[in-house]
């Protein structure tokens, strides 16, 4: 009986840990930083400076996502804009669109 109770408690504890890990979501500030860092990597050779222009939360394929729009603020180069779709749970970049 004690072994069954112990196994049950371990299983309950493990499911609690799993539930806590899957409910974690990245903040708006973390999403902005992910987008800015990736924009620097994309435009490394052009040395453009981007700022956050627009932030919204939505869903893509039933996943919660942060949609971050960055704009180029350099006066010497052609203006550009990058849209990042970032998974709100994992922080993974799902898609980047730009012009």
N, C-alpha and C. Protein backbone atom coordinates (compact mmCIF):
# COMPACT_ATOMS: atom_id res chain seq x y z
N UNK A 1 0.82 -1.20 0.00
CA UNK A 1 0.00 0.00 0.00
C UNK A 1 0.87 1.26 0.00
N UNK A 2 1.95 1.22 0.77
CA UNK A 2 2.84 2.38 0.84
C UNK A 2 3.51 2.64 -0.51
N UNK A 3 3.86 1.56 -1.22
CA UNK A 3 4.49 1.72 -2.52
C UNK A 3 3.54 2.36 -3.52
N UNK A 4 2.29 1.95 -3.48
CA UNK A 4 1.29 2.52 -4.39
C UNK A 4 1.10 4.01 -4.09
N UNK A 5 1.02 4.35 -2.83
CA UNK A 5 0.88 5.74 -2.43
C UNK A 5 2.10 6.57 -2.86
N UNK A 6 3.28 6.00 -2.69
CA UNK A 6 4.50 6.69 -3.09
C UNK A 6 4.53 6.91 -4.61
N UNK A 7 4.17 5.90 -5.38
CA UNK A 7 4.12 6.03 -6.84
C UNK A 7 3.10 7.10 -7.25
N UNK A 8 1.95 7.09 -6.59
CA UNK A 8 0.92 8.09 -6.88
C UNK A 8 1.43 9.50 -6.59
N UNK A 9 2.09 9.69 -5.47
CA UNK A 9 2.62 11.01 -5.11
C UNK A 9 3.71 11.47 -6.09
N UNK A 10 4.56 10.56 -6.51
CA UNK A 10 5.60 10.90 -7.49
C UNK A 10 4.96 11.31 -8.81
N UNK A 11 3.96 10.56 -9.26
CA UNK A 11 3.27 10.88 -10.51
C UNK A 11 2.57 12.24 -10.41
N UNK A 12 1.96 12.51 -9.27
CA UNK A 12 1.30 13.79 -9.06
C UNK A 12 2.31 14.94 -9.09
N UNK A 13 3.43 14.75 -8.44
CA UNK A 13 4.49 15.76 -8.42
C UNK A 13 5.04 16.02 -9.82
N UNK A 14 5.26 14.96 -10.59
CA UNK A 14 5.78 15.10 -11.96
C UNK A 14 4.77 15.84 -12.85
N UNK A 15 3.50 15.54 -12.72
CA UNK A 15 2.50 16.23 -13.54
C UNK A 15 2.38 17.70 -13.14
N UNK A 16 2.59 17.99 -11.88
CA UNK A 16 2.58 19.38 -11.42
C UNK A 16 3.75 20.16 -12.02
N UNK A 17 4.92 19.56 -12.06
CA UNK A 17 6.10 20.19 -12.65
C UNK A 17 5.86 20.44 -14.14
N UNK A 18 5.32 19.46 -14.83
CA UNK A 18 5.03 19.60 -16.26
C UNK A 18 4.03 20.72 -16.50
N UNK A 19 3.00 20.80 -15.70
CA UNK A 19 1.99 21.85 -15.86
C UNK A 19 2.59 23.23 -15.64
N UNK A 20 3.47 23.36 -14.68
CA UNK A 20 4.11 24.66 -14.42
C UNK A 20 5.01 25.06 -15.59
N UNK A 21 5.73 24.12 -16.15
CA UNK A 21 6.64 24.43 -17.25
C UNK A 21 5.90 24.81 -18.52
N UNK A 22 4.78 24.19 -18.80
CA UNK A 22 4.07 24.47 -20.05
C UNK A 22 3.26 25.75 -19.97
N UNK A 23 2.95 26.23 -18.77
CA UNK A 23 2.16 27.45 -18.66
C UNK A 23 3.02 28.70 -18.69
N UNK A 24 4.33 28.54 -18.69
CA UNK A 24 5.23 29.70 -18.73
C UNK A 24 5.11 30.39 -20.08
N UNK A 25 5.01 31.71 -20.04
CA UNK A 25 4.93 32.49 -21.27
C UNK A 25 5.98 33.60 -21.21
N UNK A 26 6.49 33.96 -22.37
CA UNK A 26 7.47 35.04 -22.39
C UNK A 26 6.74 36.38 -22.33
N UNK A 27 7.39 37.35 -21.73
CA UNK A 27 6.78 38.67 -21.58
C UNK A 27 6.92 39.48 -22.86
N UNK A 28 6.24 40.60 -22.89
CA UNK A 28 6.33 41.51 -24.03
C UNK A 28 7.76 42.01 -24.19
N UNK A 29 8.40 42.34 -23.08
CA UNK A 29 9.79 42.83 -23.13
C UNK A 29 10.74 41.77 -23.67
N UNK A 30 10.55 40.52 -23.26
CA UNK A 30 11.38 39.43 -23.78
C UNK A 30 11.18 39.26 -25.29
N UNK A 31 9.94 39.37 -25.74
CA UNK A 31 9.64 39.24 -27.17
C UNK A 31 10.30 40.38 -27.96
N UNK A 32 10.25 41.59 -27.42
CA UNK A 32 10.90 42.73 -28.08
C UNK A 32 12.40 42.49 -28.21
N UNK A 33 13.01 42.00 -27.14
CA UNK A 33 14.45 41.76 -27.16
C UNK A 33 14.83 40.68 -28.16
N UNK A 34 14.02 39.63 -28.26
CA UNK A 34 14.27 38.57 -29.24
C UNK A 34 14.23 39.15 -30.65
N UNK A 35 13.22 39.98 -30.94
CA UNK A 35 13.08 40.58 -32.27
C UNK A 35 14.24 41.52 -32.58
N UNK A 36 14.62 42.36 -31.63
CA UNK A 36 15.72 43.31 -31.86
C UNK A 36 17.05 42.58 -32.09
N UNK A 37 17.28 41.53 -31.32
CA UNK A 37 18.52 40.75 -31.47
C UNK A 37 18.56 40.09 -32.85
N UNK A 38 17.45 39.51 -33.27
CA UNK A 38 17.41 38.85 -34.58
C UNK A 38 17.54 39.87 -35.71
N UNK A 39 16.96 41.05 -35.56
CA UNK A 39 17.08 42.09 -36.59
C UNK A 39 18.54 42.51 -36.76
N UNK A 40 19.27 42.60 -35.66
CA UNK A 40 20.70 42.92 -35.74
C UNK A 40 21.45 41.85 -36.52
N UNK A 41 21.10 40.58 -36.29
CA UNK A 41 21.75 39.48 -37.00
C UNK A 41 21.42 39.51 -38.49
N UNK A 42 20.18 39.82 -38.82
CA UNK A 42 19.75 39.86 -40.22
C UNK A 42 20.47 40.98 -40.97
N UNK A 43 20.55 42.15 -40.37
CA UNK A 43 21.11 43.33 -41.04
C UNK A 43 22.54 43.63 -40.61
N UNK A 44 23.27 42.62 -40.22
CA UNK A 44 24.62 42.81 -39.72
C UNK A 44 25.50 43.62 -40.69
N UNK A 45 25.44 43.30 -41.95
CA UNK A 45 26.30 43.97 -42.94
C UNK A 45 25.85 45.40 -43.24
N UNK A 46 24.56 45.71 -43.03
CA UNK A 46 24.06 47.05 -43.34
C UNK A 46 24.13 48.01 -42.15
N UNK A 47 24.32 47.47 -40.97
CA UNK A 47 24.43 48.27 -39.73
C UNK A 47 23.25 49.22 -39.53
N UNK A 48 22.06 48.75 -39.79
CA UNK A 48 20.86 49.56 -39.56
C UNK A 48 20.49 49.52 -38.08
N UNK A 49 19.79 50.54 -37.66
CA UNK A 49 19.30 50.60 -36.29
C UNK A 49 17.78 50.49 -36.32
N UNK A 50 17.25 49.56 -35.56
CA UNK A 50 15.80 49.35 -35.51
C UNK A 50 15.25 49.73 -34.15
N UNK A 51 14.01 50.20 -34.16
CA UNK A 51 13.28 50.44 -32.91
C UNK A 51 11.95 49.69 -33.01
N UNK A 52 11.36 49.43 -31.85
CA UNK A 52 10.06 48.76 -31.81
C UNK A 52 9.00 49.79 -32.18
N UNK A 53 8.23 49.49 -33.21
CA UNK A 53 7.20 50.40 -33.69
C UNK A 53 5.82 49.99 -33.20
N UNK A 54 5.57 48.70 -33.19
CA UNK A 54 4.24 48.20 -32.81
C UNK A 54 4.36 46.82 -32.20
N UNK A 55 3.56 46.58 -31.16
CA UNK A 55 3.52 45.27 -30.51
C UNK A 55 2.06 44.87 -30.34
N UNK A 56 1.74 43.65 -30.72
CA UNK A 56 0.39 43.15 -30.47
C UNK A 56 0.46 41.66 -30.17
N UNK A 57 -0.59 41.18 -29.56
CA UNK A 57 -0.65 39.76 -29.23
C UNK A 57 -1.79 39.15 -30.04
N UNK A 58 -1.53 37.99 -30.59
CA UNK A 58 -2.54 37.32 -31.40
C UNK A 58 -2.33 35.83 -31.39
N UNK A 59 -2.77 35.17 -32.44
CA UNK A 59 -2.56 33.73 -32.54
C UNK A 59 -2.25 33.36 -33.98
N UNK A 60 -1.43 32.36 -34.12
CA UNK A 60 -1.03 31.83 -35.43
C UNK A 60 -1.15 30.32 -35.32
N UNK A 61 -2.00 29.72 -36.13
CA UNK A 61 -2.25 28.27 -36.07
C UNK A 61 -2.61 27.84 -34.65
N UNK A 62 -3.48 28.59 -34.03
CA UNK A 62 -3.99 28.38 -32.67
C UNK A 62 -2.90 28.42 -31.59
N UNK A 63 -1.75 29.02 -31.90
CA UNK A 63 -0.70 29.24 -30.91
C UNK A 63 -0.71 30.72 -30.53
N UNK A 64 -0.55 31.03 -29.24
CA UNK A 64 -0.44 32.45 -28.88
C UNK A 64 0.90 33.00 -29.37
N UNK A 65 0.88 34.15 -30.02
CA UNK A 65 2.11 34.74 -30.56
C UNK A 65 2.18 36.23 -30.21
N UNK A 66 3.42 36.70 -30.13
CA UNK A 66 3.69 38.14 -30.09
C UNK A 66 3.99 38.56 -31.51
N UNK A 67 3.38 39.65 -31.97
CA UNK A 67 3.67 40.20 -33.29
C UNK A 67 4.39 41.53 -33.06
N UNK A 68 5.64 41.56 -33.46
CA UNK A 68 6.49 42.72 -33.20
C UNK A 68 6.87 43.35 -34.54
N UNK A 69 6.61 44.65 -34.69
CA UNK A 69 7.01 45.38 -35.89
C UNK A 69 8.16 46.31 -35.54
N UNK A 70 9.29 46.13 -36.23
CA UNK A 70 10.46 46.98 -36.05
C UNK A 70 10.61 47.86 -37.28
N UNK A 71 11.00 49.11 -37.07
CA UNK A 71 11.28 49.99 -38.20
C UNK A 71 12.71 50.49 -38.11
N UNK A 72 13.27 50.75 -39.28
CA UNK A 72 14.63 51.26 -39.40
C UNK A 72 14.60 52.77 -39.14
N UNK A 73 15.48 53.25 -38.27
CA UNK A 73 15.50 54.68 -37.95
C UNK A 73 16.70 55.41 -38.54
N UNK A 74 17.51 54.72 -39.34
CA UNK A 74 18.66 55.37 -39.96
C UNK A 74 18.21 56.27 -41.09
N UNK A 75 18.67 57.50 -41.08
CA UNK A 75 18.30 58.47 -42.12
C UNK A 75 19.07 58.24 -43.42
N UNK A 76 20.21 57.56 -43.33
CA UNK A 76 21.07 57.41 -44.50
C UNK A 76 20.71 56.22 -45.38
N UNK A 77 19.85 55.33 -44.91
CA UNK A 77 19.54 54.14 -45.69
C UNK A 77 18.05 54.10 -46.04
N UNK A 78 17.72 53.23 -46.93
CA UNK A 78 16.33 53.04 -47.34
C UNK A 78 15.53 52.55 -46.13
N UNK A 79 14.35 53.13 -45.95
CA UNK A 79 13.55 52.71 -44.80
C UNK A 79 13.12 51.26 -44.95
N UNK A 80 13.05 50.58 -43.85
CA UNK A 80 12.65 49.18 -43.88
C UNK A 80 11.85 48.85 -42.63
N UNK A 81 11.13 47.78 -42.71
CA UNK A 81 10.29 47.33 -41.61
C UNK A 81 10.37 45.82 -41.53
N UNK A 82 10.45 45.29 -40.34
CA UNK A 82 10.46 43.84 -40.13
C UNK A 82 9.34 43.46 -39.19
N UNK A 83 8.57 42.44 -39.57
CA UNK A 83 7.53 41.88 -38.70
C UNK A 83 8.02 40.53 -38.18
N UNK A 84 7.98 40.36 -36.88
CA UNK A 84 8.36 39.10 -36.25
C UNK A 84 7.13 38.48 -35.60
N UNK A 85 6.94 37.19 -35.84
CA UNK A 85 5.91 36.42 -35.16
C UNK A 85 6.64 35.48 -34.22
N UNK A 86 6.46 35.69 -32.92
CA UNK A 86 7.22 34.96 -31.91
C UNK A 86 6.25 34.16 -31.05
N UNK A 87 6.51 32.86 -30.92
CA UNK A 87 5.69 31.98 -30.08
C UNK A 87 5.71 32.52 -28.65
N UNK A 88 4.54 32.81 -28.09
CA UNK A 88 4.45 33.41 -26.77
C UNK A 88 4.81 32.45 -25.64
N UNK A 89 4.85 31.16 -25.93
CA UNK A 89 5.22 30.19 -24.90
C UNK A 89 6.70 29.85 -24.92
N UNK A 90 7.25 29.68 -26.11
CA UNK A 90 8.64 29.20 -26.20
C UNK A 90 9.64 30.30 -26.53
N UNK A 91 9.17 31.39 -27.11
CA UNK A 91 10.09 32.44 -27.54
C UNK A 91 10.73 32.16 -28.89
N UNK A 92 10.29 31.11 -29.54
CA UNK A 92 10.83 30.75 -30.86
C UNK A 92 10.23 31.66 -31.93
N UNK A 93 11.09 32.13 -32.85
CA UNK A 93 10.61 32.95 -33.95
C UNK A 93 9.94 32.04 -34.97
N UNK A 94 8.66 32.28 -35.23
CA UNK A 94 7.90 31.46 -36.16
C UNK A 94 8.02 31.96 -37.59
N UNK A 95 8.09 33.30 -37.74
CA UNK A 95 8.13 33.87 -39.08
C UNK A 95 8.68 35.29 -39.01
N UNK A 96 9.38 35.69 -40.07
CA UNK A 96 9.86 37.07 -40.22
C UNK A 96 9.45 37.55 -41.60
N UNK A 97 8.79 38.69 -41.65
CA UNK A 97 8.45 39.34 -42.92
C UNK A 97 9.08 40.71 -42.92
N UNK A 98 9.54 41.15 -44.08
CA UNK A 98 10.14 42.47 -44.12
C UNK A 98 10.17 43.06 -45.50
N UNK A 99 10.41 44.34 -45.53
CA UNK A 99 10.59 45.05 -46.80
C UNK A 99 11.60 46.15 -46.61
